[in-house]
Amino acid sequence: KRAIGKAAAQLCRNGESVIIDGGSTTLQMCPGLNDLSLQVLTNSIHIVSALLPQRKTSIMMPAGTLFREQNIILSPYEDDGMSRYRASRMFMGAAAVGHHGVMQTDVLLVHAERRLIGLADELVLLVDSSKFEAQTGHLVCEIEDVAVLITDDGISDAVAATIEKCVGRLSVVPRDEDQ
């Protein structure tokens, strides 16, 4: 997850506006963003905590209610401060990825992620190779909606070939040995 997060952070450019969805893999991006003067929109308390020490990073959060189990802030209202935000890309993880699309197990996450995807020019999916084995959950988006998919070299050649046909770009990184 660390190698995937590092590769994702390298896609960010100085001064850019991005969305970082919560998750253990997207959290691994945060150390690589320190010097970039980014504007980051996130609904994840964990992402906020990781970015807080970065003085050059501007952090924005939606208004709403804290859902402790998921460590995210969600609002049932359309006017939660996010509707006018635009980002060049959104970084997101998933519980599963397959022929059905990108999936999550939590319906609250699905709702939040669908809203956030609509605010970004492109979607970058960060998933370790184990996510291609599980095929259950609630559909967040079609796999064709993913501009860049970053995973580790545990992905099988057959799955990689299938994914390459569907996404804009597949990036496979070597796994960290000390994960």
N, C-alpha and C. Protein backbone atom coordinates (compact mmCIF):
# COMPACT_ATOMS: atom_id res chain seq x y z
N LYS A 1 0.83 -1.19 0.00
CA LYS A 1 0.00 0.00 0.00
C LYS A 1 0.87 1.25 0.00
N ARG A 2 2.02 1.14 0.66
CA ARG A 2 2.93 2.29 0.71
C ARG A 2 3.45 2.63 -0.70
N ALA A 3 3.82 1.62 -1.46
CA ALA A 3 4.33 1.85 -2.82
C ALA A 3 3.24 2.42 -3.73
N ILE A 4 2.01 1.95 -3.57
CA ILE A 4 0.88 2.46 -4.35
C ILE A 4 0.62 3.92 -3.99
N GLY A 5 0.62 4.23 -2.70
CA GLY A 5 0.42 5.60 -2.25
C GLY A 5 1.51 6.53 -2.75
N LYS A 6 2.73 6.08 -2.73
CA LYS A 6 3.85 6.89 -3.23
C LYS A 6 3.69 7.18 -4.72
N ALA A 7 3.31 6.17 -5.48
CA ALA A 7 3.10 6.37 -6.93
C ALA A 7 1.95 7.34 -7.18
N ALA A 8 0.90 7.27 -6.38
CA ALA A 8 -0.23 8.19 -6.53
C ALA A 8 0.19 9.62 -6.21
N ALA A 9 0.98 9.80 -5.16
CA ALA A 9 1.43 11.14 -4.78
C ALA A 9 2.26 11.78 -5.90
N GLN A 10 2.97 10.97 -6.64
CA GLN A 10 3.79 11.48 -7.74
C GLN A 10 2.96 12.01 -8.91
N LEU A 11 1.67 11.70 -8.94
CA LEU A 11 0.79 12.24 -9.97
C LEU A 11 0.36 13.68 -9.67
N CYS A 12 0.52 14.11 -8.43
CA CYS A 12 0.09 15.45 -8.02
C CYS A 12 1.12 16.50 -8.44
N ARG A 13 0.62 17.67 -8.79
CA ARG A 13 1.45 18.79 -9.23
C ARG A 13 1.29 19.96 -8.27
N ASN A 14 2.34 20.73 -8.12
CA ASN A 14 2.35 21.88 -7.22
C ASN A 14 1.17 22.81 -7.51
N GLY A 15 0.46 23.19 -6.46
CA GLY A 15 -0.65 24.12 -6.58
C GLY A 15 -1.97 23.52 -7.04
N GLU A 16 -2.02 22.25 -7.24
CA GLU A 16 -3.19 21.56 -7.77
C GLU A 16 -4.27 21.38 -6.70
N SER A 17 -5.51 21.28 -7.15
CA SER A 17 -6.63 20.93 -6.28
C SER A 17 -6.99 19.48 -6.51
N VAL A 18 -7.01 18.70 -5.44
CA VAL A 18 -7.30 17.28 -5.54
C VAL A 18 -8.30 16.87 -4.46
N ILE A 19 -8.89 15.71 -4.66
CA ILE A 19 -9.77 15.10 -3.67
C ILE A 19 -9.10 13.79 -3.26
N ILE A 20 -9.01 13.57 -1.95
CA ILE A 20 -8.47 12.31 -1.45
C ILE A 20 -9.52 11.67 -0.57
N ASP A 21 -10.05 10.56 -1.03
CA ASP A 21 -11.04 9.82 -0.28
C ASP A 21 -10.33 9.03 0.81
N GLY A 22 -11.04 8.71 1.87
CA GLY A 22 -10.45 7.96 2.96
C GLY A 22 -10.13 6.53 2.58
N GLY A 23 -9.18 5.95 3.29
CA GLY A 23 -8.81 4.56 3.07
C GLY A 23 -7.37 4.33 3.45
N SER A 24 -7.03 3.08 3.71
CA SER A 24 -5.67 2.77 4.14
C SER A 24 -4.64 3.00 3.04
N THR A 25 -5.02 2.82 1.79
CA THR A 25 -4.07 3.03 0.69
C THR A 25 -3.94 4.51 0.35
N THR A 26 -5.05 5.23 0.31
CA THR A 26 -4.96 6.68 0.03
C THR A 26 -4.23 7.40 1.15
N LEU A 27 -4.32 6.91 2.35
CA LEU A 27 -3.59 7.50 3.48
C LEU A 27 -2.08 7.46 3.23
N GLN A 28 -1.63 6.45 2.52
CA GLN A 28 -0.20 6.30 2.23
C GLN A 28 0.32 7.36 1.25
N MET A 29 -0.58 8.09 0.60
CA MET A 29 -0.18 9.19 -0.29
C MET A 29 0.36 10.38 0.49
N CYS A 30 -0.18 10.60 1.65
CA CYS A 30 0.01 11.85 2.39
C CYS A 30 1.46 12.26 2.62
N PRO A 31 2.37 11.35 3.00
CA PRO A 31 3.76 11.79 3.20
C PRO A 31 4.40 12.37 1.93
N GLY A 32 3.97 11.91 0.78
CA GLY A 32 4.55 12.38 -0.49
C GLY A 32 4.00 13.70 -0.98
N LEU A 33 3.10 14.32 -0.24
CA LEU A 33 2.46 15.57 -0.67
C LEU A 33 3.01 16.80 0.03
N ASN A 34 3.93 16.63 0.92
CA ASN A 34 4.40 17.68 1.82
C ASN A 34 4.82 18.97 1.15
N ASP A 35 5.52 18.93 0.04
CA ASP A 35 6.09 20.13 -0.57
C ASP A 35 5.30 20.67 -1.76
N LEU A 36 4.05 20.26 -1.94
CA LEU A 36 3.35 20.56 -3.18
C LEU A 36 2.34 21.71 -3.13
N SER A 37 2.11 22.33 -2.02
CA SER A 37 1.13 23.42 -1.92
C SER A 37 -0.21 23.03 -2.54
N LEU A 38 -0.71 21.89 -2.15
CA LEU A 38 -1.97 21.40 -2.70
C LEU A 38 -3.17 21.97 -1.95
N GLN A 39 -4.30 22.01 -2.66
CA GLN A 39 -5.60 22.21 -2.04
C GLN A 39 -6.25 20.83 -2.04
N VAL A 40 -6.54 20.32 -0.86
CA VAL A 40 -7.07 18.97 -0.74
C VAL A 40 -8.46 19.02 -0.12
N LEU A 41 -9.41 18.44 -0.81
CA LEU A 41 -10.74 18.22 -0.26
C LEU A 41 -10.82 16.77 0.18
N THR A 42 -11.21 16.55 1.41
CA THR A 42 -11.38 15.19 1.91
C THR A 42 -12.50 15.17 2.93
N ASN A 43 -13.15 14.04 3.03
CA ASN A 43 -14.16 13.86 4.07
C ASN A 43 -13.65 12.89 5.12
N SER A 44 -12.37 12.57 5.07
CA SER A 44 -11.76 11.57 5.95
C SER A 44 -10.99 12.23 7.10
N ILE A 45 -11.33 11.87 8.31
CA ILE A 45 -10.62 12.37 9.48
C ILE A 45 -9.17 11.89 9.46
N HIS A 46 -8.92 10.65 9.02
CA HIS A 46 -7.55 10.13 8.97
C HIS A 46 -6.69 10.92 7.98
N ILE A 47 -7.24 11.27 6.84
CA ILE A 47 -6.49 12.05 5.85
C ILE A 47 -6.19 13.44 6.40
N VAL A 48 -7.17 14.06 7.04
CA VAL A 48 -6.95 15.38 7.65
C VAL A 48 -5.82 15.30 8.67
N SER A 49 -5.84 14.30 9.53
CA SER A 49 -4.79 14.14 10.54
C SER A 49 -3.41 13.97 9.93
N ALA A 50 -3.33 13.23 8.83
CA ALA A 50 -2.04 13.02 8.16
C ALA A 50 -1.54 14.29 7.46
N LEU A 51 -2.46 15.11 6.95
CA LEU A 51 -2.07 16.33 6.22
C LEU A 51 -1.88 17.54 7.12
N LEU A 52 -2.41 17.51 8.31
CA LEU A 52 -2.38 18.66 9.21
C LEU A 52 -0.97 19.22 9.45
N PRO A 53 0.06 18.42 9.62
CA PRO A 53 1.41 18.98 9.83
C PRO A 53 2.02 19.62 8.57
N GLN A 54 1.42 19.41 7.41
CA GLN A 54 1.99 19.94 6.16
C GLN A 54 1.53 21.38 5.97
N ARG A 55 2.38 22.31 6.28
CA ARG A 55 2.03 23.74 6.27
C ARG A 55 1.64 24.26 4.88
N LYS A 56 2.13 23.66 3.82
CA LYS A 56 1.82 24.12 2.46
C LYS A 56 0.51 23.55 1.94
N THR A 57 -0.05 22.59 2.64
CA THR A 57 -1.27 21.94 2.18
C THR A 57 -2.50 22.61 2.77
N SER A 58 -3.40 23.05 1.90
CA SER A 58 -4.68 23.62 2.32
C SER A 58 -5.68 22.47 2.37
N ILE A 59 -6.37 22.34 3.50
CA ILE A 59 -7.30 21.22 3.69
C ILE A 59 -8.72 21.75 3.77
N MET A 60 -9.60 21.17 2.97
CA MET A 60 -11.02 21.52 3.00
C MET A 60 -11.83 20.28 3.33
N MET A 61 -12.88 20.50 4.11
CA MET A 61 -13.77 19.40 4.49
C MET A 61 -15.21 19.84 4.27
N PRO A 62 -16.07 18.90 3.94
CA PRO A 62 -17.48 19.25 3.80
C PRO A 62 -18.11 19.46 5.18
N ALA A 63 -19.18 20.22 5.21
CA ALA A 63 -19.97 20.34 6.45
C ALA A 63 -20.81 19.09 6.58
N GLY A 64 -21.08 18.68 7.78
CA GLY A 64 -21.93 17.51 7.95
C GLY A 64 -21.75 16.85 9.28
N THR A 65 -22.10 15.59 9.32
CA THR A 65 -22.06 14.78 10.53
C THR A 65 -20.90 13.81 10.48
N LEU A 66 -20.21 13.67 11.60
CA LEU A 66 -19.10 12.72 11.68
C LEU A 66 -19.67 11.32 11.90
N PHE A 67 -19.32 10.41 11.03
CA PHE A 67 -19.68 9.00 11.17
C PHE A 67 -18.43 8.29 11.70
N ARG A 68 -18.43 8.03 12.99
CA ARG A 68 -17.23 7.53 13.67
C ARG A 68 -16.74 6.19 13.12
N GLU A 69 -17.65 5.29 12.82
CA GLU A 69 -17.23 3.96 12.37
C GLU A 69 -16.41 4.04 11.08
N GLN A 70 -16.80 4.95 10.18
CA GLN A 70 -16.08 5.11 8.91
C GLN A 70 -15.04 6.23 8.97
N ASN A 71 -15.06 7.03 10.04
CA ASN A 71 -14.16 8.18 10.19
C ASN A 71 -14.30 9.16 9.03
N ILE A 72 -15.55 9.40 8.61
CA ILE A 72 -15.80 10.36 7.54
C ILE A 72 -16.90 11.33 7.96
N ILE A 73 -16.93 12.45 7.26
CA ILE A 73 -17.97 13.45 7.46
C ILE A 73 -18.89 13.40 6.25
N LEU A 74 -20.18 13.25 6.53
CA LEU A 74 -21.18 13.21 5.46
C LEU A 74 -22.30 14.17 5.79
N SER A 75 -22.90 14.68 4.74
CA SER A 75 -24.03 15.58 4.91
C SER A 75 -25.21 15.06 4.10
N PRO A 76 -26.40 15.11 4.66
CA PRO A 76 -27.58 14.73 3.88
C PRO A 76 -28.04 15.87 2.97
N TYR A 77 -27.40 17.02 3.09
CA TYR A 77 -27.83 18.21 2.35
C TYR A 77 -26.91 18.46 1.15
N GLU A 78 -27.47 19.00 0.11
CA GLU A 78 -26.69 19.33 -1.07
C GLU A 78 -25.75 20.51 -0.82
N ASP A 79 -26.15 21.44 0.04
CA ASP A 79 -25.35 22.63 0.30
C ASP A 79 -24.42 22.39 1.48
N ASP A 80 -23.41 21.55 1.27
CA ASP A 80 -22.47 21.23 2.34
C ASP A 80 -21.09 21.83 2.07
N GLY A 81 -21.02 22.76 1.11
CA GLY A 81 -19.76 23.41 0.81
C GLY A 81 -18.97 22.74 -0.30
N MET A 82 -19.40 21.61 -0.79
CA MET A 82 -18.63 20.90 -1.81
C MET A 82 -19.11 21.16 -3.23
N SER A 83 -20.31 21.61 -3.41
CA SER A 83 -20.91 21.65 -4.74
C SER A 83 -20.15 22.52 -5.74
N ARG A 84 -19.42 23.51 -5.28
CA ARG A 84 -18.69 24.40 -6.19
C ARG A 84 -17.19 24.08 -6.25
N TYR A 85 -16.76 23.07 -5.55
CA TYR A 85 -15.35 22.68 -5.56
C TYR A 85 -15.08 21.84 -6.82
N ARG A 86 -13.95 22.08 -7.45
CA ARG A 86 -13.54 21.28 -8.61
C ARG A 86 -12.08 20.86 -8.42
N ALA A 87 -11.78 19.65 -8.80
CA ALA A 87 -10.43 19.11 -8.64
C ALA A 87 -9.97 18.49 -9.95
N SER A 88 -8.67 18.51 -10.15
CA SER A 88 -8.14 17.87 -11.35
C SER A 88 -8.26 16.35 -11.26
N ARG A 89 -8.10 15.82 -10.04
CA ARG A 89 -8.28 14.38 -9.90
C ARG A 89 -8.73 14.01 -8.50
N MET A 90 -9.37 12.86 -8.44
CA MET A 90 -9.78 12.28 -7.17
C MET A 90 -9.04 10.97 -6.98
N PHE A 91 -8.51 10.78 -5.78
CA PHE A 91 -7.81 9.56 -5.42
C PHE A 91 -8.72 8.76 -4.50
N MET A 92 -8.94 7.50 -4.85
CA MET A 92 -9.91 6.69 -4.13
C MET A 92 -9.44 5.24 -4.06
N GLY A 93 -9.78 4.58 -2.98
CA GLY A 93 -9.56 3.14 -2.84
C GLY A 93 -10.86 2.41 -3.11
N ALA A 94 -10.86 1.10 -2.91
CA ALA A 94 -12.07 0.31 -3.11
C ALA A 94 -11.95 -0.99 -2.33
N ALA A 95 -13.10 -1.57 -2.02
CA ALA A 95 -13.13 -2.87 -1.37
C ALA A 95 -12.91 -3.99 -2.38
N ALA A 96 -13.36 -3.75 -3.62
CA ALA A 96 -13.23 -4.75 -4.67
C ALA A 96 -13.27 -4.07 -6.04
N VAL A 97 -12.61 -4.70 -6.99
CA VAL A 97 -12.62 -4.23 -8.38
C VAL A 97 -12.76 -5.44 -9.28
N GLY A 98 -13.70 -5.36 -10.22
CA GLY A 98 -13.90 -6.49 -11.12
C GLY A 98 -14.75 -6.10 -12.30
N HIS A 99 -15.29 -7.11 -12.98
CA HIS A 99 -16.09 -6.84 -14.18
C HIS A 99 -17.36 -6.06 -13.86
N HIS A 100 -17.82 -6.12 -12.60
CA HIS A 100 -18.99 -5.33 -12.20
C HIS A 100 -18.64 -3.86 -12.02
N GLY A 101 -17.36 -3.57 -11.73
CA GLY A 101 -16.92 -2.20 -11.52
C GLY A 101 -16.16 -2.04 -10.23
N VAL A 102 -16.17 -0.82 -9.71
CA VAL A 102 -15.48 -0.47 -8.47
C VAL A 102 -16.51 -0.55 -7.36
N MET A 103 -16.18 -1.30 -6.29
CA MET A 103 -17.19 -1.56 -5.25
C MET A 103 -16.68 -1.24 -3.85
N GLN A 104 -17.64 -0.90 -3.00
CA GLN A 104 -17.41 -0.70 -1.57
C GLN A 104 -18.41 -1.56 -0.82
N THR A 105 -18.10 -1.87 0.42
CA THR A 105 -19.01 -2.68 1.23
C THR A 105 -19.97 -1.81 2.04
N ASP A 106 -19.64 -0.55 2.23
CA ASP A 106 -20.43 0.35 3.07
C ASP A 106 -21.25 1.30 2.19
N VAL A 107 -22.57 1.28 2.34
CA VAL A 107 -23.45 2.10 1.53
C VAL A 107 -23.19 3.60 1.75
N LEU A 108 -22.83 3.99 2.97
CA LEU A 108 -22.50 5.39 3.23
C LEU A 108 -21.30 5.83 2.40
N LEU A 109 -20.30 4.98 2.30
CA LEU A 109 -19.12 5.30 1.49
C LEU A 109 -19.48 5.42 0.01
N VAL A 110 -20.34 4.57 -0.45
CA VAL A 110 -20.75 4.60 -1.86
C VAL A 110 -21.39 5.95 -2.18
N HIS A 111 -22.29 6.39 -1.35
CA HIS A 111 -22.96 7.69 -1.57
C HIS A 111 -21.95 8.83 -1.57
N ALA A 112 -21.06 8.84 -0.61
CA ALA A 112 -20.06 9.91 -0.51
C ALA A 112 -19.12 9.89 -1.72
N GLU A 113 -18.65 8.73 -2.10
CA GLU A 113 -17.71 8.62 -3.21
C GLU A 113 -18.35 9.02 -4.54
N ARG A 114 -19.58 8.66 -4.75
CA ARG A 114 -20.26 9.07 -6.00
C ARG A 114 -20.32 10.58 -6.12
N ARG A 115 -20.63 11.26 -5.01
CA ARG A 115 -20.67 12.72 -5.03
C ARG A 115 -19.29 13.31 -5.34
N LEU A 116 -18.27 12.78 -4.70
CA LEU A 116 -16.92 13.30 -4.88
C LEU A 116 -16.40 13.07 -6.30
N ILE A 117 -16.71 11.93 -6.87
CA ILE A 117 -16.26 11.62 -8.24
C ILE A 117 -16.74 12.69 -9.21
N GLY A 118 -17.96 13.18 -9.00
CA GLY A 118 -18.52 14.20 -9.88
C GLY A 118 -17.83 15.56 -9.80
N LEU A 119 -16.98 15.74 -8.81
CA LEU A 119 -16.28 17.02 -8.63
C LEU A 119 -14.88 17.01 -9.24
N ALA A 120 -14.44 15.88 -9.75
CA ALA A 120 -13.07 15.75 -10.26
C ALA A 120 -13.05 15.49 -11.77
N ASP A 121 -11.99 15.98 -12.41
CA ASP A 121 -11.81 15.75 -13.84
C ASP A 121 -11.49 14.30 -14.16
N GLU A 122 -10.72 13.65 -13.26
CA GLU A 122 -10.40 12.25 -13.49
C GLU A 122 -10.33 11.50 -12.17
N LEU A 123 -10.55 10.20 -12.26
CA LEU A 123 -10.55 9.33 -11.10
C LEU A 123 -9.30 8.45 -11.12
N VAL A 124 -8.56 8.47 -10.00
CA VAL A 124 -7.38 7.62 -9.84
C VAL A 124 -7.72 6.61 -8.75
N LEU A 125 -7.68 5.34 -9.10
CA LEU A 125 -8.03 4.27 -8.17
C LEU A 125 -6.76 3.62 -7.64
N LEU A 126 -6.66 3.53 -6.31
CA LEU A 126 -5.51 2.94 -5.63
C LEU A 126 -5.97 1.67 -4.95
N VAL A 127 -5.57 0.52 -5.45
CA VAL A 127 -5.97 -0.76 -4.86
C VAL A 127 -4.82 -1.75 -4.92
N ASP A 128 -4.64 -2.49 -3.82
CA ASP A 128 -3.64 -3.55 -3.86
C ASP A 128 -4.23 -4.74 -4.63
N SER A 129 -3.37 -5.64 -5.06
CA SER A 129 -3.79 -6.72 -5.96
C SER A 129 -4.82 -7.66 -5.34
N SER A 130 -4.94 -7.71 -4.03
CA SER A 130 -5.95 -8.58 -3.41
C SER A 130 -7.37 -8.12 -3.71
N LYS A 131 -7.56 -6.86 -4.08
CA LYS A 131 -8.90 -6.31 -4.34
C LYS A 131 -9.53 -6.86 -5.61
N PHE A 132 -8.72 -7.51 -6.46
CA PHE A 132 -9.26 -8.10 -7.68
C PHE A 132 -9.85 -9.48 -7.45
N GLU A 133 -9.62 -10.03 -6.25
CA GLU A 133 -10.13 -11.36 -5.92
C GLU A 133 -11.55 -11.30 -5.38
N ALA A 134 -11.87 -10.27 -4.61
CA ALA A 134 -13.21 -10.11 -4.03
C ALA A 134 -14.12 -9.43 -5.05
N GLN A 135 -15.32 -9.94 -5.22
CA GLN A 135 -16.22 -9.38 -6.22
C GLN A 135 -17.58 -8.99 -5.64
N THR A 136 -17.61 -8.70 -4.36
CA THR A 136 -18.89 -8.36 -3.75
C THR A 136 -18.89 -6.92 -3.27
N GLY A 137 -20.07 -6.39 -3.08
CA GLY A 137 -20.20 -5.04 -2.55
C GLY A 137 -21.22 -4.25 -3.33
N HIS A 138 -21.22 -2.95 -3.07
CA HIS A 138 -22.12 -2.02 -3.73
C HIS A 138 -21.33 -1.25 -4.78
N LEU A 139 -21.91 -1.10 -5.94
CA LEU A 139 -21.24 -0.45 -7.06
C LEU A 139 -21.07 1.05 -6.82
N VAL A 140 -19.83 1.53 -6.91
CA VAL A 140 -19.53 2.96 -6.82
C VAL A 140 -19.53 3.56 -8.22
N CYS A 141 -18.81 2.90 -9.14
CA CYS A 141 -18.75 3.38 -10.52
C CYS A 141 -18.28 2.24 -11.43
N GLU A 142 -18.41 2.46 -12.70
CA GLU A 142 -17.93 1.48 -13.68
C GLU A 142 -16.40 1.54 -13.74
N ILE A 143 -15.78 0.43 -14.08
CA ILE A 143 -14.32 0.41 -14.19
C ILE A 143 -13.85 1.35 -15.30
N GLU A 144 -14.69 1.55 -16.30
CA GLU A 144 -14.34 2.46 -17.41
C GLU A 144 -14.28 3.93 -16.97
N ASP A 145 -14.84 4.24 -15.81
CA ASP A 145 -14.78 5.60 -15.28
C ASP A 145 -13.42 5.93 -14.68
N VAL A 146 -12.57 4.94 -14.51
CA VAL A 146 -11.26 5.12 -13.89
C VAL A 146 -10.25 5.56 -14.95
N ALA A 147 -9.61 6.70 -14.70
CA ALA A 147 -8.59 7.21 -15.62
C ALA A 147 -7.25 6.51 -15.39
N VAL A 148 -6.88 6.33 -14.13
CA VAL A 148 -5.61 5.68 -13.77
C VAL A 148 -5.90 4.69 -12.64
N LEU A 149 -5.42 3.47 -12.78
CA LEU A 149 -5.51 2.48 -11.72
C LEU A 149 -4.09 2.11 -11.32
N ILE A 150 -3.77 2.29 -10.04
CA ILE A 150 -2.45 1.95 -9.52
C ILE A 150 -2.60 0.76 -8.60
N THR A 151 -1.82 -0.28 -8.86
CA THR A 151 -1.85 -1.49 -8.03
C THR A 151 -0.44 -2.03 -7.89
N ASP A 152 -0.32 -3.15 -7.18
CA ASP A 152 1.01 -3.74 -6.98
C ASP A 152 1.23 -4.91 -7.94
N ASP A 153 2.47 -5.38 -7.97
CA ASP A 153 2.85 -6.42 -8.92
C ASP A 153 2.34 -7.82 -8.55
N GLY A 154 1.45 -7.90 -7.57
CA GLY A 154 0.78 -9.17 -7.28
C GLY A 154 -0.39 -9.43 -8.21
N ILE A 155 -0.73 -8.47 -9.05
CA ILE A 155 -1.83 -8.63 -10.00
C ILE A 155 -1.45 -9.68 -11.05
N SER A 156 -2.36 -10.56 -11.36
CA SER A 156 -2.08 -11.59 -12.37
C SER A 156 -2.03 -10.97 -13.77
N ASP A 157 -1.34 -11.62 -14.67
CA ASP A 157 -1.25 -11.12 -16.05
C ASP A 157 -2.63 -11.07 -16.70
N ALA A 158 -3.46 -12.06 -16.42
CA ALA A 158 -4.79 -12.10 -17.01
C ALA A 158 -5.66 -10.93 -16.52
N VAL A 159 -5.63 -10.67 -15.22
CA VAL A 159 -6.41 -9.56 -14.67
C VAL A 159 -5.86 -8.23 -15.19
N ALA A 160 -4.54 -8.10 -15.24
CA ALA A 160 -3.92 -6.87 -15.74
C ALA A 160 -4.34 -6.61 -17.18
N ALA A 161 -4.37 -7.64 -18.01
CA ALA A 161 -4.78 -7.49 -19.41
C ALA A 161 -6.23 -7.02 -19.51
N THR A 162 -7.08 -7.57 -18.68
CA THR A 162 -8.49 -7.16 -18.67
C THR A 162 -8.64 -5.72 -18.22
N ILE A 163 -7.95 -5.36 -17.14
CA ILE A 163 -8.02 -4.00 -16.60
C ILE A 163 -7.49 -2.99 -17.62
N GLU A 164 -6.40 -3.31 -18.30
CA GLU A 164 -5.82 -2.39 -19.28
C GLU A 164 -6.79 -2.05 -20.41
N LYS A 165 -7.69 -2.95 -20.71
CA LYS A 165 -8.68 -2.70 -21.76
C LYS A 165 -9.75 -1.71 -21.30
N CYS A 166 -9.93 -1.60 -19.98
CA CYS A 166 -11.04 -0.82 -19.44
C CYS A 166 -10.66 0.55 -18.92
N VAL A 167 -9.47 0.68 -18.35
CA VAL A 167 -9.08 1.95 -17.73
C VAL A 167 -8.17 2.75 -18.66
N GLY A 168 -8.05 4.04 -18.37
CA GLY A 168 -7.17 4.89 -19.18
C GLY A 168 -5.73 4.44 -19.10
N ARG A 169 -5.26 4.14 -17.87
CA ARG A 169 -3.87 3.72 -17.70
C ARG A 169 -3.76 2.83 -16.47
N LEU A 170 -3.05 1.73 -16.61
CA LEU A 170 -2.76 0.83 -15.50
C LEU A 170 -1.31 1.02 -15.11
N SER A 171 -1.06 1.30 -13.83
CA SER A 171 0.29 1.45 -13.32
C SER A 171 0.52 0.38 -12.27
N VAL A 172 1.52 -0.47 -12.48
CA VAL A 172 1.83 -1.56 -11.58
C VAL A 172 3.16 -1.25 -10.89
N VAL A 173 3.14 -1.20 -9.55
CA VAL A 173 4.33 -0.86 -8.79
C VAL A 173 4.82 -2.09 -8.02
N PRO A 174 6.13 -2.17 -7.77
CA PRO A 174 6.63 -3.29 -6.96
C PRO A 174 6.15 -3.16 -5.51
N ARG A 175 5.84 -4.28 -4.91
CA ARG A 175 5.41 -4.28 -3.51
C ARG A 175 6.57 -3.96 -2.60
N ASP A 176 6.31 -3.17 -1.56
CA ASP A 176 7.29 -2.96 -0.50
C ASP A 176 7.49 -4.26 0.23
N GLU A 177 8.71 -4.61 0.53
CA GLU A 177 8.97 -5.84 1.24
C GLU A 177 8.57 -5.77 2.71
N ASP A 178 8.55 -4.57 3.29
CA ASP A 178 8.26 -4.44 4.72
C ASP A 178 6.84 -3.97 4.99
N GLN A 179 5.88 -4.40 4.19
CA GLN A 179 4.48 -4.02 4.43
C GLN A 179 3.90 -4.80 5.57
